[in-house]
């Protein structure tokens, strides 16, 4: 039963990410294109650091939300 709740939380999270990304693409597609061009000009090392920073920020947010609930 616990695994089912975990899977449902994962599916809910994926749905939330898709919703937010969809809203960004709907509201500002040219801004997304500009950001992609900027990211394409950065080095692989900088992109890895950005990805690690985003993963750390996301996991920190999830930890705080879980801690507060």
C-alpha atoms as a PDB file:
ATOM      1  CA  UNK A   1       0.000   0.000   0.000  1.00  0.00           C
ATOM      2  CA  UNK A   2       2.899   2.363   0.751  1.00  0.00           C
ATOM      3  CA  UNK A   3       4.421   1.809  -2.700  1.00  0.00           C
ATOM      4  CA  UNK A   4       1.106   2.810  -4.296  1.00  0.00           C
ATOM      5  CA  UNK A   5       1.112   6.136  -2.446  1.00  0.00           C
ATOM      6  CA  UNK A   6       4.704   6.731  -3.535  1.00  0.00           C
ATOM      7  CA  UNK A   7       3.872   6.001  -7.167  1.00  0.00           C
ATOM      8  CA  UNK A   8       0.846   8.296  -7.018  1.00  0.00           C
ATOM      9  CA  UNK A   9       3.010  11.073  -5.554  1.00  0.00           C
ATOM     10  CA  UNK A  10       5.537  10.595  -8.359  1.00  0.00           C
ATOM     11  CA  UNK A  11       2.817  10.709 -11.017  1.00  0.00           C
ATOM     12  CA  UNK A  12       1.339  13.822  -9.376  1.00  0.00           C
ATOM     13  CA  UNK A  13       4.768  15.478  -9.401  1.00  0.00           C
ATOM     14  CA  UNK A  14       5.378  14.656 -13.065  1.00  0.00           C
ATOM     15  CA  UNK A  15       1.940  16.048 -13.908  1.00  0.00           C
ATOM     16  CA  UNK A  16       2.720  19.239 -12.007  1.00  0.00           C
ATOM     17  CA  UNK A  17       6.021  19.693 -13.860  1.00  0.00           C
ATOM     18  CA  UNK A  18       4.293  19.167 -17.218  1.00  0.00           C
ATOM     19  CA  UNK A  19       1.585  21.666 -16.265  1.00  0.00           C
ATOM     20  CA  UNK A  20       4.101  24.342 -15.279  1.00  0.00           C
ATOM     21  CA  UNK A  21       6.269  23.800 -18.350  1.00  0.00           C
ATOM     22  CA  UNK A  22       3.197  23.887 -20.559  1.00  0.00           C
ATOM     23  CA  UNK A  23       2.126  27.209 -19.054  1.00  0.00           C
ATOM     24  CA  UNK A  24       5.592  28.667 -19.694  1.00  0.00           C
ATOM     25  CA  UNK A  25       5.554  27.521 -23.334  1.00  0.00           C
ATOM     26  CA  UNK A  26       2.018  28.856 -23.744  1.00  0.00           C
ATOM     27  CA  UNK A  27       2.697  32.232 -22.144  1.00  0.00           C
ATOM     28  CA  UNK A  28       6.192  33.038 -23.445  1.00  0.00           C
ATOM     29  CA  UNK A  29       7.436  30.785 -26.262  1.00  0.00           C
ATOM     30  CA  UNK A  30       9.922  33.380 -27.518  1.00  0.00           C
ATOM     31  CA  UNK A  31      11.429  33.680 -24.043  1.00  0.00           C
ATOM     32  CA  UNK A  32      11.899  29.915 -23.932  1.00  0.00           C
ATOM     33  CA  UNK A  33      13.656  30.071 -27.292  1.00  0.00           C
ATOM     34  CA  UNK A  34      15.973  32.816 -26.035  1.00  0.00           C
ATOM     35  CA  UNK A  35      16.817  30.828 -22.902  1.00  0.00           C
ATOM     36  CA  UNK A  36      17.576  27.725 -24.980  1.00  0.00           C
ATOM     37  CA  UNK A  37      19.958  29.752 -27.159  1.00  0.00           C
ATOM     38  CA  UNK A  38      21.738  31.121 -24.084  1.00  0.00           C
ATOM     39  CA  UNK A  39      22.051  27.649 -22.546  1.00  0.00           C
ATOM     40  CA  UNK A  40      23.369  26.247 -25.836  1.00  0.00           C
ATOM     41  CA  UNK A  41      26.231  28.774 -25.694  1.00  0.00           C
ATOM     42  CA  UNK A  42      27.345  27.699 -22.217  1.00  0.00           C
ATOM     43  CA  UNK A  43      29.930  25.019 -21.635  1.00  0.00           C
ATOM     44  CA  UNK A  44      29.096  21.460 -20.634  1.00  0.00           C
ATOM     45  CA  UNK A  45      30.649  22.074 -17.207  1.00  0.00           C
ATOM     46  CA  UNK A  46      28.460  25.137 -16.629  1.00  0.00           C
ATOM     47  CA  UNK A  47      25.345  23.177 -17.660  1.00  0.00           C
ATOM     48  CA  UNK A  48      26.278  20.383 -15.253  1.00  0.00           C
ATOM     49  CA  UNK A  49      26.707  22.887 -12.432  1.00  0.00           C
ATOM     50  CA  UNK A  50      23.363  24.471 -13.314  1.00  0.00           C
ATOM     51  CA  UNK A  51      21.712  21.049 -13.312  1.00  0.00           C
ATOM     52  CA  UNK A  52      23.283  20.144  -9.969  1.00  0.00           C
ATOM     53  CA  UNK A  53      22.177  23.460  -8.481  1.00  0.00           C
ATOM     54  CA  UNK A  54      18.630  22.975  -9.732  1.00  0.00           C
ATOM     55  CA  UNK A  55      18.523  19.415  -8.405  1.00  0.00           C
ATOM     56  CA  UNK A  56      19.785  20.599  -5.019  1.00  0.00           C
ATOM     57  CA  UNK A  57      17.259  23.441  -4.916  1.00  0.00           C
ATOM     58  CA  UNK A  58      14.424  21.117  -5.897  1.00  0.00           C
ATOM     59  CA  UNK A  59      15.327  18.466  -3.368  1.00  0.00           C
ATOM     60  CA  UNK A  60      15.665  21.151  -0.675  1.00  0.00           C
ATOM     61  CA  UNK A  61      12.198  22.467  -1.472  1.00  0.00           C
ATOM     62  CA  UNK A  62      10.747  18.958  -1.353  1.00  0.00           C
ATOM     63  CA  UNK A  63      12.471  18.292   1.975  1.00  0.00           C
ATOM     64  CA  UNK A  64      11.121  21.510   3.499  1.00  0.00           C
ATOM     65  CA  UNK A  65       7.604  20.793   2.241  1.00  0.00           C
ATOM     66  CA  UNK A  66       7.754  17.266   3.639  1.00  0.00           C
ATOM     67  CA  UNK A  67       9.178  18.559   6.943  1.00  0.00           C
ATOM     68  CA  UNK A  68       6.414  21.150   7.300  1.00  0.00           C
ATOM     69  CA  UNK A  69       3.588  18.752   6.518  1.00  0.00           C
END
